Amino acid sequence: MGLYEKYIFPKMAHLVCSMKPFPRQREKVVPIARGVVLEVGVGSGLNLPYYDGNKVTKVWCLDPSPEMLRMAEKAAKSLPLKVEFIGSPGEEIPLEDNSVDTVVVTYTLCTIADTEQALRQMARVLKPGGELIFCEHGAAPDEDIRCWQERINPVWKLLAGGCHLNRPIPKLIEQGGFRIKGMEAMYIPGWRPASFNYCGMATHA
């Protein structure tokens, strides 16, 4: 890992993902979580304040970045939540089958190298009747914006920690073993190539 990825990118990602309207998007989906929760790609812990302590019994926070996990651990100290941290990528979730009630993934599928493997791991650990809650940016519906996403993506990935601008989020979720049961898709304020959001819930296919 280079100096940029270790020292600069984590702080930059935290600042960018703290900007409006990201908190509004998190506020829509994170409070839906219930029971034992696995958050894949916890990052710096920006979702943690939005969990409903009356509905959530525990949050497993998974991220491959030690720097991000340290930031999330600091964020968790002031919250009335039972939280444990796992330093693993989404493709390698070290939890038992059928062990969590909710999987939460926000602004993470854009960076995971093997999204299908990661989603199948999420489906594996999710209990029957459990839910995947997601909020992600991805491929825009407008052809002109998608063209820009395709053009910019090779450079963007290098600067943004492997983030892809153009991933077809609903298709990826379904390929990973889920059935989407409710979704909102829209542009949120911001730079158009990175501002088309998909938010919703899915269950085992």
C-alpha atoms as a PDB file:
ATOM      1  CA  MET A   1       0.000   0.000   0.000  1.00  0.00           C
ATOM      2  CA  GLY A   2       1.403   3.391  -1.022  1.00  0.00           C
ATOM      3  CA  LEU A   3       1.528   6.590   1.017  1.00  0.00           C
ATOM      4  CA  TYR A   4      -1.473   8.015  -0.822  1.00  0.00           C
ATOM      5  CA  GLU A   5      -3.687   5.009  -0.033  1.00  0.00           C
ATOM      6  CA  LYS A   6      -2.487   4.839   3.575  1.00  0.00           C
ATOM      7  CA  TYR A   7      -2.382   8.458   4.687  1.00  0.00           C
ATOM      8  CA  ILE A   8      -4.237  10.681   2.221  1.00  0.00           C
ATOM      9  CA  PHE A   9      -7.113   8.719   0.727  1.00  0.00           C
ATOM     10  CA  PRO A  10      -8.789   7.636   4.012  1.00  0.00           C
ATOM     11  CA  LYS A  11      -9.078  11.246   5.190  1.00  0.00           C
ATOM     12  CA  MET A  12     -10.169  12.433   1.766  1.00  0.00           C
ATOM     13  CA  ALA A  13     -12.828   9.716   1.537  1.00  0.00           C
ATOM     14  CA  HIS A  14     -14.120  10.629   4.993  1.00  0.00           C
ATOM     15  CA  LEU A  15     -14.425  14.303   4.060  1.00  0.00           C
ATOM     16  CA  VAL A  16     -16.093  13.670   0.705  1.00  0.00           C
ATOM     17  CA  CYS A  17     -18.550  11.120   2.096  1.00  0.00           C
ATOM     18  CA  SER A  18     -19.457  13.482   4.948  1.00  0.00           C
ATOM     19  CA  MET A  19     -20.636  16.167   2.529  1.00  0.00           C
ATOM     20  CA  LYS A  20     -24.271  16.797   1.759  1.00  0.00           C
ATOM     21  CA  PRO A  21     -26.337  15.033   0.507  1.00  0.00           C
ATOM     22  CA  PHE A  22     -24.675  11.778   1.649  1.00  0.00           C
ATOM     23  CA  PRO A  23     -25.949  12.042   5.248  1.00  0.00           C
ATOM     24  CA  ARG A  24     -29.498  12.367   3.925  1.00  0.00           C
ATOM     25  CA  GLN A  25     -29.083   9.158   1.931  1.00  0.00           C
ATOM     26  CA  ARG A  26     -27.664   7.313   4.935  1.00  0.00           C
ATOM     27  CA  GLU A  27     -30.548   8.561   7.059  1.00  0.00           C
ATOM     28  CA  LYS A  28     -32.999   6.949   4.625  1.00  0.00           C
ATOM     29  CA  VAL A  29     -31.615   3.424   4.792  1.00  0.00           C
ATOM     30  CA  VAL A  30     -29.442   2.733   7.846  1.00  0.00           C
ATOM     31  CA  PRO A  31     -32.238   3.065  10.469  1.00  0.00           C
ATOM     32  CA  ILE A  32     -34.077   0.200   8.730  1.00  0.00           C
ATOM     33  CA  ALA A  33     -31.428  -2.245   9.978  1.00  0.00           C
ATOM     34  CA  ARG A  34     -32.457  -4.608  12.762  1.00  0.00           C
ATOM     35  CA  GLY A  35     -31.069  -7.385  14.922  1.00  0.00           C
ATOM     36  CA  VAL A  36     -27.495  -8.481  14.326  1.00  0.00           C
ATOM     37  CA  VAL A  37     -26.081  -6.321  11.542  1.00  0.00           C
ATOM     38  CA  LEU A  38     -23.113  -6.776   9.249  1.00  0.00           C
ATOM     39  CA  GLU A  39     -21.937  -3.559   7.620  1.00  0.00           C
ATOM     40  CA  VAL A  40     -19.669  -4.306   4.674  1.00  0.00           C
ATOM     41  CA  GLY A  41     -17.266  -1.473   3.937  1.00  0.00           C
ATOM     42  CA  VAL A  42     -17.773   0.459   7.159  1.00  0.00           C
ATOM     43  CA  GLY A  43     -15.082   2.946   6.125  1.00  0.00           C
ATOM     44  CA  SER A  44     -14.647   5.699   8.700  1.00  0.00           C
ATOM     45  CA  GLY A  45     -17.899   4.822  10.453  1.00  0.00           C
ATOM     46  CA  LEU A  46     -20.188   7.441   8.936  1.00  0.00           C
ATOM     47  CA  ASN A  47     -23.205   5.110   9.119  1.00  0.00           C
ATOM     48  CA  LEU A  48     -22.803   4.288  12.801  1.00  0.00           C
ATOM     49  CA  PRO A  49     -24.777   7.255  14.241  1.00  0.00           C
ATOM     50  CA  TYR A  50     -27.801   6.293  12.136  1.00  0.00           C
ATOM     51  CA  TYR A  51     -28.370   2.820  13.591  1.00  0.00           C
ATOM     52  CA  ASP A  52     -31.434   2.565  15.817  1.00  0.00           C
ATOM     53  CA  GLY A  53     -30.216   1.223  19.144  1.00  0.00           C
ATOM     54  CA  ASN A  54     -33.727   0.019  19.963  1.00  0.00           C
ATOM     55  CA  LYS A  55     -33.750  -2.284  16.934  1.00  0.00           C
ATOM     56  CA  VAL A  56     -30.085  -3.274  16.545  1.00  0.00           C
ATOM     57  CA  THR A  57     -28.437  -5.683  18.978  1.00  0.00           C
ATOM     58  CA  LYS A  58     -24.952  -5.713  17.449  1.00  0.00           C
ATOM     59  CA  VAL A  59     -23.062  -4.339  14.464  1.00  0.00           C
ATOM     60  CA  TRP A  60     -20.213  -6.240  12.823  1.00  0.00           C
ATOM     61  CA  CYS A  61     -18.129  -3.625  10.982  1.00  0.00           C
ATOM     62  CA  LEU A  62     -16.047  -5.037   8.128  1.00  0.00           C
ATOM     63  CA  ASP A  63     -13.407  -3.174   6.122  1.00  0.00           C
ATOM     64  CA  PRO A  64     -10.036  -4.186   4.623  1.00  0.00           C
ATOM     65  CA  SER A  65      -8.367  -0.859   5.495  1.00  0.00           C
ATOM     66  CA  PRO A  66      -6.695  -0.649   8.939  1.00  0.00           C
ATOM     67  CA  GLU A  67      -6.685   3.144   8.629  1.00  0.00           C
ATOM     68  CA  MET A  68     -10.417   3.272   7.988  1.00  0.00           C
ATOM     69  CA  LEU A  69     -11.140   0.842  10.818  1.00  0.00           C
ATOM     70  CA  ARG A  70      -9.194   3.021  13.273  1.00  0.00           C
ATOM     71  CA  MET A  71     -11.367   5.976  12.284  1.00  0.00           C
ATOM     72  CA  ALA A  72     -14.524   3.888  12.668  1.00  0.00           C
ATOM     73  CA  GLU A  73     -13.431   2.651  16.095  1.00  0.00           C
ATOM     74  CA  LYS A  74     -13.114   6.263  17.275  1.00  0.00           C
ATOM     75  CA  ALA A  75     -16.567   7.053  15.900  1.00  0.00           C
ATOM     76  CA  ALA A  76     -18.083   4.048  17.705  1.00  0.00           C
ATOM     77  CA  LYS A  77     -16.758   4.956  21.162  1.00  0.00           C
ATOM     78  CA  SER A  78     -19.392   7.607  21.790  1.00  0.00           C
ATOM     79  CA  LEU A  79     -22.331   5.500  20.581  1.00  0.00           C
ATOM     80  CA  PRO A  80     -24.610   3.181  22.605  1.00  0.00           C
ATOM     81  CA  LEU A  81     -24.059   0.278  20.236  1.00  0.00           C
ATOM     82  CA  LYS A  82     -22.380  -3.082  20.598  1.00  0.00           C
ATOM     83  CA  VAL A  83     -19.819  -2.970  17.782  1.00  0.00           C
ATOM     84  CA  GLU A  84     -17.073  -5.348  16.676  1.00  0.00           C
ATOM     85  CA  PHE A  85     -14.584  -4.729  13.877  1.00  0.00           C
ATOM     86  CA  ILE A  86     -13.310  -7.148  11.240  1.00  0.00           C
ATOM     87  CA  GLY A  87     -10.311  -6.360   9.041  1.00  0.00           C
ATOM     88  CA  SER A  88     -11.318  -8.297   5.936  1.00  0.00           C
ATOM     89  CA  PRO A  89     -12.440  -7.562   2.376  1.00  0.00           C
ATOM     90  CA  GLY A  90     -16.038  -8.087   1.331  1.00  0.00           C
ATOM     91  CA  GLU A  91     -15.095 -11.205  -0.608  1.00  0.00           C
ATOM     92  CA  GLU A  92     -13.926 -12.906   2.611  1.00  0.00           C
ATOM     93  CA  ILE A  93     -16.498 -12.490   5.372  1.00  0.00           C
ATOM     94  CA  PRO A  94     -15.368 -14.584   8.393  1.00  0.00           C
ATOM     95  CA  LEU A  95     -18.841 -15.081   9.889  1.00  0.00           C
ATOM     96  CA  GLU A  96     -20.950 -18.227  10.065  1.00  0.00           C
ATOM     97  CA  ASP A  97     -23.744 -19.039   7.634  1.00  0.00           C
ATOM     98  CA  ASN A  98     -27.154 -17.567   8.545  1.00  0.00           C
ATOM     99  CA  SER A  99     -25.685 -15.504  11.369  1.00  0.00           C
ATOM    100  CA  VAL A 100     -26.915 -11.929  10.724  1.00  0.00           C
ATOM    101  CA  ASP A 101     -30.352 -10.359  10.361  1.00  0.00           C
ATOM    102  CA  THR A 102     -29.337  -7.402   8.200  1.00  0.00           C
ATOM    103  CA  VAL A 103     -26.465  -6.641   5.845  1.00  0.00           C
ATOM    104  CA  VAL A 104     -25.797  -2.962   5.195  1.00  0.00           C
ATOM    105  CA  VAL A 105     -23.687  -1.772   2.272  1.00  0.00           C
ATOM    106  CA  THR A 106     -23.393   1.923   1.385  1.00  0.00           C
ATOM    107  CA  TYR A 107     -21.036   3.435  -1.186  1.00  0.00           C
ATOM    108  CA  THR A 108     -18.981   0.255  -1.130  1.00  0.00           C
ATOM    109  CA  LEU A 109     -19.940  -1.927  -4.103  1.00  0.00           C
ATOM    110  CA  CYS A 110     -18.181   0.609  -6.319  1.00  0.00           C
ATOM    111  CA  THR A 111     -14.799  -0.346  -4.838  1.00  0.00           C
ATOM    112  CA  ILE A 112     -15.004  -4.121  -4.262  1.00  0.00           C
ATOM    113  CA  ALA A 113     -12.928  -5.990  -6.838  1.00  0.00           C
ATOM    114  CA  ASP A 114     -15.172  -9.079  -7.100  1.00  0.00           C
ATOM    115  CA  THR A 115     -18.666  -7.803  -6.386  1.00  0.00           C
ATOM    116  CA  GLU A 116     -20.413 -11.095  -7.180  1.00  0.00           C
ATOM    117  CA  GLN A 117     -18.242 -13.014  -4.727  1.00  0.00           C
ATOM    118  CA  ALA A 118     -18.763 -10.353  -2.046  1.00  0.00           C
ATOM    119  CA  LEU A 119     -22.530 -10.339  -2.514  1.00  0.00           C
ATOM    120  CA  ARG A 120     -22.661 -14.132  -2.386  1.00  0.00           C
ATOM    121  CA  GLN A 121     -20.768 -13.942   0.896  1.00  0.00           C
ATOM    122  CA  MET A 122     -23.336 -11.441   2.179  1.00  0.00           C
ATOM    123  CA  ALA A 123     -26.147 -13.774   1.103  1.00  0.00           C
ATOM    124  CA  ARG A 124     -24.400 -16.683   2.843  1.00  0.00           C
ATOM    125  CA  VAL A 125     -24.230 -14.996   6.250  1.00  0.00           C
ATOM    126  CA  LEU A 126     -27.740 -13.520   6.031  1.00  0.00           C
ATOM    127  CA  LYS A 127     -30.469 -15.439   7.850  1.00  0.00           C
ATOM    128  CA  PRO A 128     -33.565 -16.616   5.980  1.00  0.00           C
ATOM    129  CA  GLY A 129     -35.928 -13.650   5.997  1.00  0.00           C
ATOM    130  CA  GLY A 130     -33.054 -11.228   6.508  1.00  0.00           C
ATOM    131  CA  GLU A 131     -32.501  -8.152   4.375  1.00  0.00           C
ATOM    132  CA  LEU A 132     -29.719  -6.524   2.413  1.00  0.00           C
ATOM    133  CA  ILE A 133     -29.979  -2.744   2.721  1.00  0.00           C
ATOM    134  CA  PHE A 134     -28.038  -0.817   0.113  1.00  0.00           C
ATOM    135  CA  CYS A 135     -27.294   2.726  -0.980  1.00  0.00           C
ATOM    136  CA  GLU A 136     -24.813   3.010  -3.839  1.00  0.00           C
ATOM    137  CA  HIS A 137     -23.861   5.278  -6.715  1.00  0.00           C
ATOM    138  CA  GLY A 138     -23.535   3.729 -10.147  1.00  0.00           C
ATOM    139  CA  ALA A 139     -24.374   3.726 -13.828  1.00  0.00           C
ATOM    140  CA  ALA A 140     -26.591   6.636 -14.803  1.00  0.00           C
ATOM    141  CA  PRO A 141     -29.716   6.153 -16.957  1.00  0.00           C
ATOM    142  CA  ASP A 142     -28.801   9.012 -19.310  1.00  0.00           C
ATOM    143  CA  GLU A 143     -26.569   8.082 -22.218  1.00  0.00           C
ATOM    144  CA  ASP A 144     -24.540  11.299 -22.157  1.00  0.00           C
ATOM    145  CA  ILE A 145     -23.731  10.870 -18.447  1.00  0.00           C
ATOM    146  CA  ARG A 146     -22.868   7.184 -18.952  1.00  0.00           C
ATOM    147  CA  CYS A 147     -20.456   8.174 -21.725  1.00  0.00           C
ATOM    148  CA  TRP A 148     -18.674  10.494 -19.323  1.00  0.00           C
ATOM    149  CA  GLN A 149     -18.625   7.775 -16.688  1.00  0.00           C
ATOM    150  CA  GLU A 150     -16.936   5.414 -19.146  1.00  0.00           C
ATOM    151  CA  ARG A 151     -14.375   8.022 -20.203  1.00  0.00           C
ATOM    152  CA  ILE A 152     -13.469   9.159 -16.723  1.00  0.00           C
ATOM    153  CA  ASN A 153     -13.572   5.794 -14.980  1.00  0.00           C
ATOM    154  CA  PRO A 154      -9.983   4.594 -15.696  1.00  0.00           C
ATOM    155  CA  VAL A 155      -8.453   7.693 -14.115  1.00  0.00           C
ATOM    156  CA  TRP A 156     -11.104   7.980 -11.417  1.00  0.00           C
ATOM    157  CA  LYS A 157     -10.326   4.465 -10.154  1.00  0.00           C
ATOM    158  CA  LEU A 158      -6.705   5.422  -9.581  1.00  0.00           C
ATOM    159  CA  LEU A 159      -7.558   8.563  -7.625  1.00  0.00           C
ATOM    160  CA  ALA A 160     -10.556   7.273  -5.691  1.00  0.00           C
ATOM    161  CA  GLY A 161      -9.359   4.045  -4.113  1.00  0.00           C
ATOM    162  CA  GLY A 162     -10.624   1.729  -6.835  1.00  0.00           C
ATOM    163  CA  CYS A 163     -14.070   3.332  -7.045  1.00  0.00           C
ATOM    164  CA  HIS A 164     -15.967   2.654 -10.286  1.00  0.00           C
ATOM    165  CA  LEU A 165     -18.380   5.277 -11.565  1.00  0.00           C
ATOM    166  CA  ASN A 166     -20.269   3.022 -13.938  1.00  0.00           C
ATOM    167  CA  ARG A 167     -21.295  -0.154 -12.147  1.00  0.00           C
ATOM    168  CA  PRO A 168     -24.860  -1.441 -12.814  1.00  0.00           C
ATOM    169  CA  ILE A 169     -25.804  -1.794  -9.160  1.00  0.00           C
ATOM    170  CA  PRO A 170     -29.220  -3.551  -9.457  1.00  0.00           C
ATOM    171  CA  LYS A 171     -27.828  -6.107 -11.896  1.00  0.00           C
ATOM    172  CA  LEU A 172     -24.840  -6.806  -9.640  1.00  0.00           C
ATOM    173  CA  ILE A 173     -27.069  -7.306  -6.604  1.00  0.00           C
ATOM    174  CA  GLU A 174     -29.244  -9.790  -8.474  1.00  0.00           C
ATOM    175  CA  GLN A 175     -26.214 -11.634  -9.856  1.00  0.00           C
ATOM    176  CA  GLY A 176     -24.965 -11.954  -6.285  1.00  0.00           C
ATOM    177  CA  GLY A 177     -27.969 -14.021  -5.200  1.00  0.00           C
ATOM    178  CA  PHE A 178     -30.503 -11.396  -4.142  1.00  0.00           C
ATOM    179  CA  ARG A 179     -33.961 -10.285  -5.221  1.00  0.00           C
ATOM    180  CA  ILE A 180     -34.588  -6.534  -4.986  1.00  0.00           C
ATOM    181  CA  LYS A 181     -37.915  -5.924  -3.275  1.00  0.00           C
ATOM    182  CA  GLY A 182     -37.865  -2.128  -3.202  1.00  0.00           C
ATOM    183  CA  MET A 183     -35.569   0.497  -4.686  1.00  0.00           C
ATOM    184  CA  GLU A 184     -35.353   4.239  -5.264  1.00  0.00           C
ATOM    185  CA  ALA A 185     -33.083   5.452  -8.066  1.00  0.00           C
ATOM    186  CA  MET A 186     -32.320   9.117  -8.635  1.00  0.00           C
ATOM    187  CA  TYR A 187     -29.714  11.792  -9.079  1.00  0.00           C
ATOM    188  CA  ILE A 188     -28.649  13.463  -5.855  1.00  0.00           C
ATOM    189  CA  PRO A 189     -27.022  16.918  -5.823  1.00  0.00           C
ATOM    190  CA  GLY A 190     -23.411  16.806  -6.902  1.00  0.00           C
ATOM    191  CA  TRP A 191     -21.119  15.966  -9.786  1.00  0.00           C
ATOM    192  CA  ARG A 192     -23.371  14.148 -12.239  1.00  0.00           C
ATOM    193  CA  PRO A 193     -21.073  11.221 -13.175  1.00  0.00           C
ATOM    194  CA  ALA A 194     -20.934  10.228  -9.484  1.00  0.00           C
ATOM    195  CA  SER A 195     -24.386  11.292  -8.312  1.00  0.00           C
ATOM    196  CA  PHE A 196     -26.851   8.690  -9.596  1.00  0.00           C
ATOM    197  CA  ASN A 197     -27.903   6.733  -6.512  1.00  0.00           C
ATOM    198  CA  TYR A 198     -29.633   3.403  -5.982  1.00  0.00           C
ATOM    199  CA  CYS A 199     -31.148   2.880  -2.518  1.00  0.00           C
ATOM    200  CA  GLY A 200     -33.259  -0.035  -1.421  1.00  0.00           C
ATOM    201  CA  MET A 201     -33.675  -3.452   0.113  1.00  0.00           C
ATOM    202  CA  ALA A 202     -33.176  -7.003  -1.151  1.00  0.00           C
ATOM    203  CA  THR A 203     -33.708 -10.531   0.106  1.00  0.00           C
ATOM    204  CA  HIS A 204     -32.402 -13.967  -0.862  1.00  0.00           C
ATOM    205  CA  ALA A 205     -33.324 -14.824  -4.430  1.00  0.00           C
END
